[in-house]
Amino acid sequence: MALRIEDYALIGDCRTAALVGNNGSIDWLCVPRFDSGACFAALLGTADNGRWQIAPVEPVRRVRRRYRPGTLVLETEFETDSGTVAVIDAMTMTAPTPTVVRLVEGRGDTSRCTSSW
């Protein structure tokens, strides 16, 4: 089941955009343009509809989100019992084709983080 719409944040490159859930999942992305078919569409159903999730495997105690000032660079910080990790999401503005960039920044013990499609 998809998250509530208020649990999503937008990243984009002026040609297309992605919706990133507060659970670290990109649940909607159409490429190369807004009117293209979706390659991730979990927003409309379940994870079986396609998503890209980066999140801790252990229970998350707290999630903090923010856009870096003056940008559409989204930072989602997950706090767990063993530490804190941030997932930083953006789309490049200068690439010839839409490009999603996802960085994982360890801010504590990150040995229990995973990426899953």
PDB file of N, CA and C in Angstrom:
ATOM      1  N   MET A   1       0.834  -1.175   0.000  1.00  0.00           N
ATOM      2  CA  MET A   1       0.000   0.000   0.000  1.00  0.00           C
ATOM      3  C   MET A   1       0.881   1.241   0.000  1.00  0.00           C
ATOM      4  N   ALA A   2       0.504   2.221  -0.801  1.00  0.00           N
ATOM      5  CA  ALA A   2       1.270   3.454  -0.919  1.00  0.00           C
ATOM      6  C   ALA A   2       1.142   4.302   0.347  1.00  0.00           C
ATOM      7  N   LEU A   3       2.105   5.181   0.530  1.00  0.00           N
ATOM      8  CA  LEU A   3       2.068   6.133   1.631  1.00  0.00           C
ATOM      9  C   LEU A   3       0.996   7.193   1.368  1.00  0.00           C
ATOM     10  N   ARG A   4       0.717   7.999   2.373  1.00  0.00           N
ATOM     11  CA  ARG A   4      -0.173   9.151   2.175  1.00  0.00           C
ATOM     12  C   ARG A   4       0.559  10.180   1.329  1.00  0.00           C
ATOM     13  N   ILE A   5      -0.147  10.984   0.569  1.00  0.00           N
ATOM     14  CA  ILE A   5       0.489  11.944  -0.328  1.00  0.00           C
ATOM     15  C   ILE A   5       1.377  12.916   0.441  1.00  0.00           C
ATOM     16  N   GLU A   6       1.011  13.265   1.664  1.00  0.00           N
ATOM     17  CA  GLU A   6       1.822  14.191   2.458  1.00  0.00           C
ATOM     18  C   GLU A   6       3.128  13.562   2.950  1.00  0.00           C
ATOM     19  N   ASP A   7       3.288  12.254   2.758  1.00  0.00           N
ATOM     20  CA  ASP A   7       4.522  11.569   3.133  1.00  0.00           C
ATOM     21  C   ASP A   7       5.554  11.566   2.006  1.00  0.00           C
ATOM     22  N   TYR A   8       5.230  12.226   0.888  1.00  0.00           N
ATOM     23  CA  TYR A   8       6.126  12.294  -0.256  1.00  0.00           C
ATOM     24  C   TYR A   8       6.734  13.678  -0.400  1.00  0.00           C
ATOM     25  N   ALA A   9       7.935  13.709  -0.971  1.00  0.00           N
ATOM     26  CA  ALA A   9       8.604  14.950  -1.352  1.00  0.00           C
ATOM     27  C   ALA A   9       8.972  14.828  -2.829  1.00  0.00           C
ATOM     28  N   LEU A  10       9.131  15.958  -3.491  1.00  0.00           N
ATOM     29  CA  LEU A  10       9.375  16.009  -4.929  1.00  0.00           C
ATOM     30  C   LEU A  10      10.827  16.360  -5.221  1.00  0.00           C
ATOM     31  N   ILE A  11      11.431  15.620  -6.141  1.00  0.00           N
ATOM     32  CA  ILE A  11      12.706  16.025  -6.733  1.00  0.00           C
ATOM     33  C   ILE A  11      12.466  16.080  -8.234  1.00  0.00           C
ATOM     34  N   GLY A  12      13.180  16.938  -8.942  1.00  0.00           N
ATOM     35  CA  GLY A  12      12.946  17.052 -10.375  1.00  0.00           C
ATOM     36  C   GLY A  12      14.066  17.770 -11.094  1.00  0.00           C
ATOM     37  N   ASP A  13      13.951  17.791 -12.442  1.00  0.00           N
ATOM     38  CA  ASP A  13      14.964  18.428 -13.286  1.00  0.00           C
ATOM     39  C   ASP A  13      14.351  19.330 -14.350  1.00  0.00           C
ATOM     40  N   CYS A  14      13.108  19.759 -14.178  1.00  0.00           N
ATOM     41  CA  CYS A  14      12.354  20.613 -15.110  1.00  0.00           C
ATOM     42  C   CYS A  14      11.832  19.852 -16.330  1.00  0.00           C
ATOM     43  N   ARG A  15      12.202  18.581 -16.500  1.00  0.00           N
ATOM     44  CA  ARG A  15      11.670  17.749 -17.587  1.00  0.00           C
ATOM     45  C   ARG A  15      10.783  16.647 -17.048  1.00  0.00           C
ATOM     46  N   THR A  16      11.129  16.175 -15.850  1.00  0.00           N
ATOM     47  CA  THR A  16      10.367  15.139 -15.172  1.00  0.00           C
ATOM     48  C   THR A  16      10.603  15.279 -13.677  1.00  0.00           C
ATOM     49  N   ALA A  17       9.949  14.443 -12.899  1.00  0.00           N
ATOM     50  CA  ALA A  17      10.088  14.520 -11.445  1.00  0.00           C
ATOM     51  C   ALA A  17       9.860  13.144 -10.842  1.00  0.00           C
ATOM     52  N   ALA A  18      10.317  13.006  -9.601  1.00  0.00           N
ATOM     53  CA  ALA A  18      10.118  11.771  -8.842  1.00  0.00           C
ATOM     54  C   ALA A  18       9.516  12.130  -7.492  1.00  0.00           C
ATOM     55  N   LEU A  19       8.707  11.217  -6.969  1.00  0.00           N
ATOM     56  CA  LEU A  19       8.167  11.358  -5.624  1.00  0.00           C
ATOM     57  C   LEU A  19       8.909  10.387  -4.715  1.00  0.00           C
ATOM     58  N   VAL A  20       9.490  10.952  -3.639  1.00  0.00           N
ATOM     59  CA  VAL A  20      10.301  10.179  -2.698  1.00  0.00           C
ATOM     60  C   VAL A  20       9.551  10.102  -1.378  1.00  0.00           C
ATOM     61  N   GLY A  21       9.244   8.894  -0.920  1.00  0.00           N
ATOM     62  CA  GLY A  21       8.530   8.689   0.333  1.00  0.00           C
ATOM     63  C   GLY A  21       9.423   8.894   1.539  1.00  0.00           C
ATOM     64  N   ASN A  22       8.795   9.173   2.681  1.00  0.00           N
ATOM     65  CA  ASN A  22       9.575   9.336   3.911  1.00  0.00           C
ATOM     66  C   ASN A  22      10.112   8.002   4.422  1.00  0.00           C
ATOM     67  N   ASN A  23       9.870   6.923   3.684  1.00  0.00           N
ATOM     68  CA  ASN A  23      10.440   5.608   3.987  1.00  0.00           C
ATOM     69  C   ASN A  23      11.659   5.307   3.111  1.00  0.00           C
ATOM     70  N   GLY A  24      12.135   6.322   2.352  1.00  0.00           N
ATOM     71  CA  GLY A  24      13.307   6.147   1.502  1.00  0.00           C
ATOM     72  C   GLY A  24      13.025   5.533   0.154  1.00  0.00           C
ATOM     73  N   SER A  25      11.762   5.484  -0.254  1.00  0.00           N
ATOM     74  CA  SER A  25      11.379   4.829  -1.494  1.00  0.00           C
ATOM     75  C   SER A  25      10.963   5.842  -2.562  1.00  0.00           C
ATOM     76  N   ILE A  26      11.553   5.722  -3.760  1.00  0.00           N
ATOM     77  CA  ILE A  26      11.042   6.476  -4.906  1.00  0.00           C
ATOM     78  C   ILE A  26       9.890   5.646  -5.458  1.00  0.00           C
ATOM     79  N   ASP A  27       8.671   6.162  -5.300  1.00  0.00           N
ATOM     80  CA  ASP A  27       7.457   5.422  -5.669  1.00  0.00           C
ATOM     81  C   ASP A  27       6.823   5.926  -6.957  1.00  0.00           C
ATOM     82  N   TRP A  28       7.360   6.995  -7.539  1.00  0.00           N
ATOM     83  CA  TRP A  28       6.831   7.488  -8.809  1.00  0.00           C
ATOM     84  C   TRP A  28       7.944   8.165  -9.583  1.00  0.00           C
ATOM     85  N   LEU A  29       8.143   7.750 -10.819  1.00  0.00           N
ATOM     86  CA  LEU A  29       9.112   8.384 -11.712  1.00  0.00           C
ATOM     87  C   LEU A  29       8.765   8.038 -13.144  1.00  0.00           C
ATOM     88  N   CYS A  30       8.582   9.068 -13.959  1.00  0.00           N
ATOM     89  CA  CYS A  30       8.377   8.911 -15.399  1.00  0.00           C
ATOM     90  C   CYS A  30       9.597   9.467 -16.112  1.00  0.00           C
ATOM     91  N   VAL A  31      10.152   8.711 -17.050  1.00  0.00           N
ATOM     92  CA  VAL A  31      11.298   9.197 -17.826  1.00  0.00           C
ATOM     93  C   VAL A  31      11.079   8.898 -19.297  1.00  0.00           C
ATOM     94  N   PRO A  32      11.508   9.763 -20.182  1.00  0.00           N
ATOM     95  CA  PRO A  32      12.325  10.944 -19.936  1.00  0.00           C
ATOM     96  C   PRO A  32      11.533  12.222 -19.651  1.00  0.00           C
ATOM     97  N   ARG A  33      10.183  12.173 -19.791  1.00  0.00           N
ATOM     98  CA  ARG A  33       9.371  13.383 -19.569  1.00  0.00           C
ATOM     99  C   ARG A  33       8.191  13.060 -18.673  1.00  0.00           C
ATOM    100  N   PHE A  34       7.514  14.108 -18.203  1.00  0.00           N
ATOM    101  CA  PHE A  34       6.342  13.947 -17.349  1.00  0.00           C
ATOM    102  C   PHE A  34       5.261  13.078 -17.997  1.00  0.00           C
ATOM    103  N   ASP A  35       5.112  13.164 -19.320  1.00  0.00           N
ATOM    104  CA  ASP A  35       4.050  12.417 -19.997  1.00  0.00           C
ATOM    105  C   ASP A  35       4.492  11.034 -20.466  1.00  0.00           C
ATOM    106  N   SER A  36       5.670  10.590 -20.056  1.00  0.00           N
ATOM    107  CA  SER A  36       6.164   9.253 -20.393  1.00  0.00           C
ATOM    108  C   SER A  36       5.572   8.210 -19.454  1.00  0.00           C
ATOM    109  N   GLY A  37       5.718   6.966 -19.823  1.00  0.00           N
ATOM    110  CA  GLY A  37       5.287   5.875 -18.952  1.00  0.00           C
ATOM    111  C   GLY A  37       6.127   5.837 -17.681  1.00  0.00           C
ATOM    112  N   ALA A  38       5.526   5.383 -16.601  1.00  0.00           N
ATOM    113  CA  ALA A  38       6.217   5.339 -15.308  1.00  0.00           C
ATOM    114  C   ALA A  38       7.119   4.119 -15.225  1.00  0.00           C
ATOM    115  N   CYS A  39       8.356   4.320 -14.770  1.00  0.00           N
ATOM    116  CA  CYS A  39       9.220   3.163 -14.509  1.00  0.00           C
ATOM    117  C   CYS A  39       9.129   2.752 -13.049  1.00  0.00           C
ATOM    118  N   PHE A  40       8.749   3.679 -12.166  1.00  0.00           N
ATOM    119  CA  PHE A  40       8.415   3.361 -10.779  1.00  0.00           C
ATOM    120  C   PHE A  40       6.991   3.853 -10.561  1.00  0.00           C
ATOM    121  N   ALA A  41       6.099   2.977 -10.096  1.00  0.00           N
ATOM    122  CA  ALA A  41       4.696   3.355  -9.949  1.00  0.00           C
ATOM    123  C   ALA A  41       4.060   2.784  -8.688  1.00  0.00           C
ATOM    124  N   ALA A  42       4.852   2.529  -7.649  1.00  0.00           N
ATOM    125  CA  ALA A  42       4.298   1.996  -6.399  1.00  0.00           C
ATOM    126  C   ALA A  42       3.282   2.944  -5.776  1.00  0.00           C
ATOM    127  N   LEU A  43       3.341   4.225  -6.144  1.00  0.00           N
ATOM    128  CA  LEU A  43       2.366   5.204  -5.666  1.00  0.00           C
ATOM    129  C   LEU A  43       0.941   4.753  -5.995  1.00  0.00           C
ATOM    130  N   LEU A  44       0.780   4.016  -7.078  1.00  0.00           N
ATOM    131  CA  LEU A  44      -0.549   3.590  -7.528  1.00  0.00           C
ATOM    132  C   LEU A  44      -0.954   2.212  -7.039  1.00  0.00           C
ATOM    133  N   GLY A  45      -0.111   1.556  -6.299  1.00  0.00           N
ATOM    134  CA  GLY A  45      -0.457   0.208  -5.865  1.00  0.00           C
ATOM    135  C   GLY A  45       0.462  -0.283  -4.766  1.00  0.00           C
ATOM    136  N   THR A  46       1.306  -1.244  -5.126  1.00  0.00           N
ATOM    137  CA  THR A  46       2.218  -1.846  -4.157  1.00  0.00           C
ATOM    138  C   THR A  46       3.646  -1.765  -4.695  1.00  0.00           C
ATOM    139  N   ALA A  47       4.580  -2.264  -3.911  1.00  0.00           N
ATOM    140  CA  ALA A  47       5.979  -2.308  -4.347  1.00  0.00           C
ATOM    141  C   ALA A  47       6.132  -3.098  -5.642  1.00  0.00           C
ATOM    142  N   ASP A  48       5.215  -4.008  -5.926  1.00  0.00           N
ATOM    143  CA  ASP A  48       5.256  -4.778  -7.169  1.00  0.00           C
ATOM    144  C   ASP A  48       5.103  -3.895  -8.404  1.00  0.00           C
ATOM    145  N   ASN A  49       4.560  -2.674  -8.230  1.00  0.00           N
ATOM    146  CA  ASN A  49       4.410  -1.739  -9.337  1.00  0.00           C
ATOM    147  C   ASN A  49       5.715  -1.004  -9.634  1.00  0.00           C
ATOM    148  N   GLY A  50       6.749  -1.259  -8.856  1.00  0.00           N
ATOM    149  CA  GLY A  50       8.064  -0.684  -9.085  1.00  0.00           C
ATOM    150  C   GLY A  50       8.395   0.439  -8.124  1.00  0.00           C
ATOM    151  N   ARG A  51       9.555   0.324  -7.496  1.00  0.00           N
ATOM    152  CA  ARG A  51      10.052   1.358  -6.611  1.00  0.00           C
ATOM    153  C   ARG A  51      11.547   1.158  -6.444  1.00  0.00           C
ATOM    154  N   TRP A  52      12.193   2.176  -5.865  1.00  0.00           N
ATOM    155  CA  TRP A  52      13.619   2.096  -5.547  1.00  0.00           C
ATOM    156  C   TRP A  52      13.745   2.581  -4.115  1.00  0.00           C
ATOM    157  N   GLN A  53      13.977   1.650  -3.194  1.00  0.00           N
ATOM    158  CA  GLN A  53      14.024   1.993  -1.776  1.00  0.00           C
ATOM    159  C   GLN A  53      15.420   1.813  -1.206  1.00  0.00           C
ATOM    160  N   ILE A  54      15.857   2.836  -0.476  1.00  0.00           N
ATOM    161  CA  ILE A  54      17.089   2.779   0.307  1.00  0.00           C
ATOM    162  C   ILE A  54      16.694   3.172   1.725  1.00  0.00           C
ATOM    163  N   ALA A  55      16.819   2.238   2.667  1.00  0.00           N
ATOM    164  CA  ALA A  55      16.385   2.488   4.045  1.00  0.00           C
ATOM    165  C   ALA A  55      17.042   1.471   4.972  1.00  0.00           C
ATOM    166  N   PRO A  56      17.121   1.806   6.258  1.00  0.00           N
ATOM    167  CA  PRO A  56      17.653   0.839   7.223  1.00  0.00           C
ATOM    168  C   PRO A  56      16.770  -0.409   7.303  1.00  0.00           C
ATOM    169  N   VAL A  57      17.391  -1.552   7.611  1.00  0.00           N
ATOM    170  CA  VAL A  57      16.620  -2.776   7.771  1.00  0.00           C
ATOM    171  C   VAL A  57      16.076  -2.919   9.186  1.00  0.00           C
ATOM    172  N   GLU A  58      16.705  -2.264  10.150  1.00  0.00           N
ATOM    173  CA  GLU A  58      16.191  -2.340  11.516  1.00  0.00           C
ATOM    174  C   GLU A  58      15.130  -1.260  11.718  1.00  0.00           C
ATOM    175  N   PRO A  59      14.326  -1.362  12.763  1.00  0.00           N
ATOM    176  CA  PRO A  59      13.258  -0.387  12.982  1.00  0.00           C
ATOM    177  C   PRO A  59      13.785   1.045  13.083  1.00  0.00           C
ATOM    178  N   VAL A  60      13.067   1.950  12.433  1.00  0.00           N
ATOM    179  CA  VAL A  60      13.430   3.369  12.427  1.00  0.00           C
ATOM    180  C   VAL A  60      12.716   4.051  13.583  1.00  0.00           C
ATOM    181  N   ARG A  61      13.487   4.727  14.430  1.00  0.00           N
ATOM    182  CA  ARG A  61      12.900   5.460  15.563  1.00  0.00           C
ATOM    183  C   ARG A  61      12.390   6.826  15.149  1.00  0.00           C
ATOM    184  N   ARG A  62      13.111   7.473  14.220  1.00  0.00           N
ATOM    185  CA  ARG A  62      12.756   8.834  13.856  1.00  0.00           C
ATOM    186  C   ARG A  62      13.213   9.124  12.428  1.00  0.00           C
ATOM    187  N   VAL A  63      12.385   9.858  11.691  1.00  0.00           N
ATOM    188  CA  VAL A  63      12.733  10.306  10.339  1.00  0.00           C
ATOM    189  C   VAL A  63      12.662  11.829  10.318  1.00  0.00           C
ATOM    190  N   ARG A  64      13.718  12.458   9.801  1.00  0.00           N
ATOM    191  CA  ARG A  64      13.728  13.907   9.617  1.00  0.00           C
ATOM    192  C   ARG A  64      13.999  14.171   8.141  1.00  0.00           C
ATOM    193  N   ARG A  65      13.283  15.166   7.570  1.00  0.00           N
ATOM    194  CA  ARG A  65      13.464  15.485   6.157  1.00  0.00           C
ATOM    195  C   ARG A  65      13.611  16.982   5.979  1.00  0.00           C
ATOM    196  N   ARG A  66      14.372  17.342   4.961  1.00  0.00           N
ATOM    197  CA  ARG A  66      14.481  18.753   4.607  1.00  0.00           C
ATOM    198  C   ARG A  66      15.036  18.866   3.194  1.00  0.00           C
ATOM    199  N   TYR A  67      14.725  19.984   2.567  1.00  0.00           N
ATOM    200  CA  TYR A  67      15.400  20.341   1.327  1.00  0.00           C
ATOM    201  C   TYR A  67      16.604  21.188   1.709  1.00  0.00           C
ATOM    202  N   ARG A  68      17.716  20.960   1.056  1.00  0.00           N
ATOM    203  CA  ARG A  68      18.863  21.829   1.284  1.00  0.00           C
ATOM    204  C   ARG A  68      18.476  23.216   0.781  1.00  0.00           C
ATOM    205  N   PRO A  69      18.845  24.255   1.515  1.00  0.00           N
ATOM    206  CA  PRO A  69      18.376  25.617   1.211  1.00  0.00           C
ATOM    207  C   PRO A  69      18.577  26.011  -0.253  1.00  0.00           C
ATOM    208  N   GLY A  70      17.489  26.527  -0.851  1.00  0.00           N
ATOM    209  CA  GLY A  70      17.533  27.029  -2.215  1.00  0.00           C
ATOM    210  C   GLY A  70      17.637  25.977  -3.291  1.00  0.00           C
ATOM    211  N   THR A  71      17.349  24.703  -2.958  1.00  0.00           N
ATOM    212  CA  THR A  71      17.508  23.609  -3.925  1.00  0.00           C
ATOM    213  C   THR A  71      16.318  22.646  -3.855  1.00  0.00           C
ATOM    214  N   LEU A  72      16.311  21.713  -4.797  1.00  0.00           N
ATOM    215  CA  LEU A  72      15.411  20.560  -4.727  1.00  0.00           C
ATOM    216  C   LEU A  72      16.191  19.309  -4.332  1.00  0.00           C
ATOM    217  N   VAL A  73      17.276  19.500  -3.606  1.00  0.00           N
ATOM    218  CA  VAL A  73      18.054  18.377  -3.069  1.00  0.00           C
ATOM    219  C   VAL A  73      17.417  17.993  -1.739  1.00  0.00           C
ATOM    220  N   LEU A  74      16.903  16.784  -1.692  1.00  0.00           N
ATOM    221  CA  LEU A  74      16.159  16.287  -0.535  1.00  0.00           C
ATOM    222  C   LEU A  74      17.066  15.444   0.351  1.00  0.00           C
ATOM    223  N   GLU A  75      17.009  15.705   1.642  1.00  0.00           N
ATOM    224  CA  GLU A  75      17.771  14.925   2.608  1.00  0.00           C
ATOM    225  C   GLU A  75      16.797  14.257   3.579  1.00  0.00           C
ATOM    226  N   THR A  76      16.840  12.929   3.634  1.00  0.00           N
ATOM    227  CA  THR A  76      16.007  12.160   4.562  1.00  0.00           C
ATOM    228  C   THR A  76      16.943  11.473   5.543  1.00  0.00           C
ATOM    229  N   GLU A  77      16.780  11.756   6.816  1.00  0.00           N
ATOM    230  CA  GLU A  77      17.653  11.200   7.847  1.00  0.00           C
ATOM    231  C   GLU A  77      16.871  10.185   8.672  1.00  0.00           C
ATOM    232  N   PHE A  78      17.425   8.971   8.744  1.00  0.00           N
ATOM    233  CA  PHE A  78      16.823   7.883   9.501  1.00  0.00           C
ATOM    234  C   PHE A  78      17.633   7.657  10.771  1.00  0.00           C
ATOM    235  N   GLU A  79      16.959   7.635  11.910  1.00  0.00           N
ATOM    236  CA  GLU A  79      17.624   7.343  13.184  1.00  0.00           C
ATOM    237  C   GLU A  79      17.138   5.989  13.672  1.00  0.00           C
ATOM    238  N   THR A  80      18.093   5.099  13.980  1.00  0.00           N
ATOM    239  CA  THR A  80      17.782   3.768  14.496  1.00  0.00           C
ATOM    240  C   THR A  80      18.511   3.577  15.820  1.00  0.00           C
ATOM    241  N   ASP A  81      18.318   2.435  16.443  1.00  0.00           N
ATOM    242  CA  ASP A  81      19.008   2.157  17.700  1.00  0.00           C
ATOM    243  C   ASP A  81      20.525   2.112  17.533  1.00  0.00           C
ATOM    244  N   SER A  82      20.994   1.743  16.337  1.00  0.00           N
ATOM    245  CA  SER A  82      22.439   1.598  16.152  1.00  0.00           C
ATOM    246  C   SER A  82      23.098   2.805  15.498  1.00  0.00           C
ATOM    247  N   GLY A  83      22.332   3.802  15.093  1.00  0.00           N
ATOM    248  CA  GLY A  83      22.956   4.980  14.497  1.00  0.00           C
ATOM    249  C   GLY A  83      22.018   5.739  13.585  1.00  0.00           C
ATOM    250  N   THR A  84      22.606   6.633  12.817  1.00  0.00           N
ATOM    251  CA  THR A  84      21.847   7.513  11.930  1.00  0.00           C
ATOM    252  C   THR A  84      22.457   7.471  10.540  1.00  0.00           C
ATOM    253  N   VAL A  85      21.602   7.485   9.525  1.00  0.00           N
ATOM    254  CA  VAL A  85      22.041   7.502   8.136  1.00  0.00           C
ATOM    255  C   VAL A  85      21.140   8.470   7.375  1.00  0.00           C
ATOM    256  N   ALA A  86      21.717   9.172   6.409  1.00  0.00           N
ATOM    257  CA  ALA A  86      20.945  10.088   5.572  1.00  0.00           C
ATOM    258  C   ALA A  86      20.959   9.580   4.138  1.00  0.00           C
ATOM    259  N   VAL A  87      19.810   9.685   3.472  1.00  0.00           N
ATOM    260  CA  VAL A  87      19.702   9.420   2.045  1.00  0.00           C
ATOM    261  C   VAL A  87      19.466  10.774   1.392  1.00  0.00           C
ATOM    262  N   ILE A  88      20.346  11.148   0.480  1.00  0.00           N
ATOM    263  CA  ILE A  88      20.287  12.447  -0.181  1.00  0.00           C
ATOM    264  C   ILE A  88      19.890  12.198  -1.631  1.00  0.00           C
ATOM    265  N   ASP A  89      18.751  12.786  -2.046  1.00  0.00           N
ATOM    266  CA  ASP A  89      18.180  12.548  -3.372  1.00  0.00           C
ATOM    267  C   ASP A  89      18.115  13.833  -4.177  1.00  0.00           C
ATOM    268  N   ALA A  90      18.418  13.724  -5.478  1.00  0.00           N
ATOM    269  CA  ALA A  90      18.317  14.862  -6.388  1.00  0.00           C
ATOM    270  C   ALA A  90      18.251  14.330  -7.812  1.00  0.00           C
ATOM    271  N   MET A  91      17.880  15.219  -8.725  1.00  0.00           N
ATOM    272  CA  MET A  91      17.968  14.939 -10.155  1.00  0.00           C
ATOM    273  C   MET A  91      18.888  15.988 -10.756  1.00  0.00           C
ATOM    274  N   THR A  92      19.789  15.556 -11.643  1.00  0.00           N
ATOM    275  CA  THR A  92      20.730  16.492 -12.250  1.00  0.00           C
ATOM    276  C   THR A  92      20.009  17.362 -13.277  1.00  0.00           C
ATOM    277  N   MET A  93      20.403  18.616 -13.357  1.00  0.00           N
ATOM    278  CA  MET A  93      19.784  19.565 -14.288  1.00  0.00           C
ATOM    279  C   MET A  93      20.522  19.611 -15.625  1.00  0.00           C
ATOM    280  N   THR A  94      21.749  19.157 -15.689  1.00  0.00           N
ATOM    281  CA  THR A  94      22.564  19.330 -16.891  1.00  0.00           C
ATOM    282  C   THR A  94      22.752  18.061 -17.712  1.00  0.00           C
ATOM    283  N   ALA A  95      22.362  16.928 -17.194  1.00  0.00           N
ATOM    284  CA  ALA A  95      22.543  15.674 -17.934  1.00  0.00           C
ATOM    285  C   ALA A  95      21.632  15.670 -19.158  1.00  0.00           C
ATOM    286  N   PRO A  96      22.084  15.061 -20.275  1.00  0.00           N
ATOM    287  CA  PRO A  96      21.240  15.015 -21.475  1.00  0.00           C
ATOM    288  C   PRO A  96      19.972  14.176 -21.283  1.00  0.00           C
ATOM    289  N   THR A  97      20.015  13.220 -20.386  1.00  0.00           N
ATOM    290  CA  THR A  97      18.833  12.429 -20.055  1.00  0.00           C
ATOM    291  C   THR A  97      18.587  12.545 -18.553  1.00  0.00           C
ATOM    292  N   PRO A  98      17.342  12.377 -18.105  1.00  0.00           N
ATOM    293  CA  PRO A  98      17.064  12.479 -16.668  1.00  0.00           C
ATOM    294  C   PRO A  98      17.926  11.504 -15.862  1.00  0.00           C
ATOM    295  N   THR A  99      18.510  12.020 -14.790  1.00  0.00           N
ATOM    296  CA  THR A  99      19.390  11.222 -13.953  1.00  0.00           C
ATOM    297  C   THR A  99      19.035  11.441 -12.490  1.00  0.00           C
ATOM    298  N   VAL A 100      18.695  10.355 -11.806  1.00  0.00           N
ATOM    299  CA  VAL A 100      18.436  10.411 -10.373  1.00  0.00           C
ATOM    300  C   VAL A 100      19.736  10.092  -9.658  1.00  0.00           C
ATOM    301  N   VAL A 101      20.087  10.935  -8.686  1.00  0.00           N
ATOM    302  CA  VAL A 101      21.289  10.728  -7.884  1.00  0.00           C
ATOM    303  C   VAL A 101      20.835  10.459  -6.457  1.00  0.00           C
ATOM    304  N   ARG A 102      21.294   9.335  -5.895  1.00  0.00           N
ATOM    305  CA  ARG A 102      20.979   8.979  -4.510  1.00  0.00           C
ATOM    306  C   ARG A 102      22.288   8.703  -3.785  1.00  0.00           C
ATOM    307  N   LEU A 103      22.543   9.468  -2.748  1.00  0.00           N
ATOM    308  CA  LEU A 103      23.747   9.297  -1.941  1.00  0.00           C
ATOM    309  C   LEU A 103      23.338   8.824  -0.560  1.00  0.00           C
ATOM    310  N   VAL A 104      24.117   7.928   0.015  1.00  0.00           N
ATOM    311  CA  VAL A 104      23.891   7.477   1.382  1.00  0.00           C
ATOM    312  C   VAL A 104      25.061   7.980   2.207  1.00  0.00           C
ATOM    313  N   GLU A 105      24.735   8.718   3.264  1.00  0.00           N
ATOM    314  CA  GLU A 105      25.751   9.287   4.136  1.00  0.00           C
ATOM    315  C   GLU A 105      25.593   8.711   5.532  1.00  0.00           C
ATOM    316  N   GLY A 106      26.567   7.922   5.956  1.00  0.00           N
ATOM    317  CA  GLY A 106      26.535   7.347   7.290  1.00  0.00           C
ATOM    318  C   GLY A 106      26.829   8.398   8.343  1.00  0.00           C
ATOM    319  N   ARG A 107      26.004   8.435   9.344  1.00  0.00           N
ATOM    320  CA  ARG A 107      26.193   9.368  10.452  1.00  0.00           C
ATOM    321  C   ARG A 107      26.231   8.587  11.756  1.00  0.00           C
ATOM    322  N   GLY A 108      26.687   7.362  11.681  1.00  0.00           N
ATOM    323  CA  GLY A 108      26.749   6.453  12.814  1.00  0.00           C
ATOM    324  C   GLY A 108      27.015   5.064  12.274  1.00  0.00           C
ATOM    325  N   ASP A 109      26.610   4.022  12.996  1.00  0.00           N
ATOM    326  CA  ASP A 109      26.785   2.643  12.556  1.00  0.00           C
ATOM    327  C   ASP A 109      25.845   2.380  11.389  1.00  0.00           C
ATOM    328  N   THR A 110      26.389   2.191  10.180  1.00  0.00           N
ATOM    329  CA  THR A 110      25.575   1.982   8.979  1.00  0.00           C
ATOM    330  C   THR A 110      25.632   0.543   8.490  1.00  0.00           C
ATOM    331  N   SER A 111      26.123  -0.377   9.294  1.00  0.00           N
ATOM    332  CA  SER A 111      26.296  -1.753   8.837  1.00  0.00           C
ATOM    333  C   SER A 111      24.968  -2.461   8.597  1.00  0.00           C
ATOM    334  N   ARG A 112      23.859  -1.868   9.023  1.00  0.00           N
ATOM    335  CA  ARG A 112      22.567  -2.523   8.874  1.00  0.00           C
ATOM    336  C   ARG A 112      21.677  -1.863   7.832  1.00  0.00           C
ATOM    337  N   CYS A 113      22.257  -1.085   6.902  1.00  0.00           N
ATOM    338  CA  CYS A 113      21.481  -0.458   5.845  1.00  0.00           C
ATOM    339  C   CYS A 113      21.492  -1.354   4.617  1.00  0.00           C
ATOM    340  N   THR A 114      20.441  -1.259   3.826  1.00  0.00           N
ATOM    341  CA  THR A 114      20.326  -2.059   2.625  1.00  0.00           C
ATOM    342  C   THR A 114      19.651  -1.270   1.525  1.00  0.00           C
ATOM    343  N   SER A 115      19.848  -1.655   0.318  1.00  0.00           N
ATOM    344  CA  SER A 115      19.143  -1.077  -0.830  1.00  0.00           C
ATOM    345  C   SER A 115      18.359  -2.203  -1.483  1.00  0.00           C
ATOM    346  N   SER A 116      17.112  -1.939  -1.818  1.00  0.00           N
ATOM    347  CA  SER A 116      16.312  -2.967  -2.484  1.00  0.00           C
ATOM    348  C   SER A 116      15.461  -2.336  -3.560  1.00  0.00           C
ATOM    349  N   TRP A 117      15.199  -3.098  -4.624  1.00  0.00           N
ATOM    350  CA  TRP A 117      14.349  -2.621  -5.725  1.00  0.00           C
ATOM    351  C   TRP A 117      12.965  -3.105  -5.504  1.00  0.00           C
TER     352      TRP A 117
END
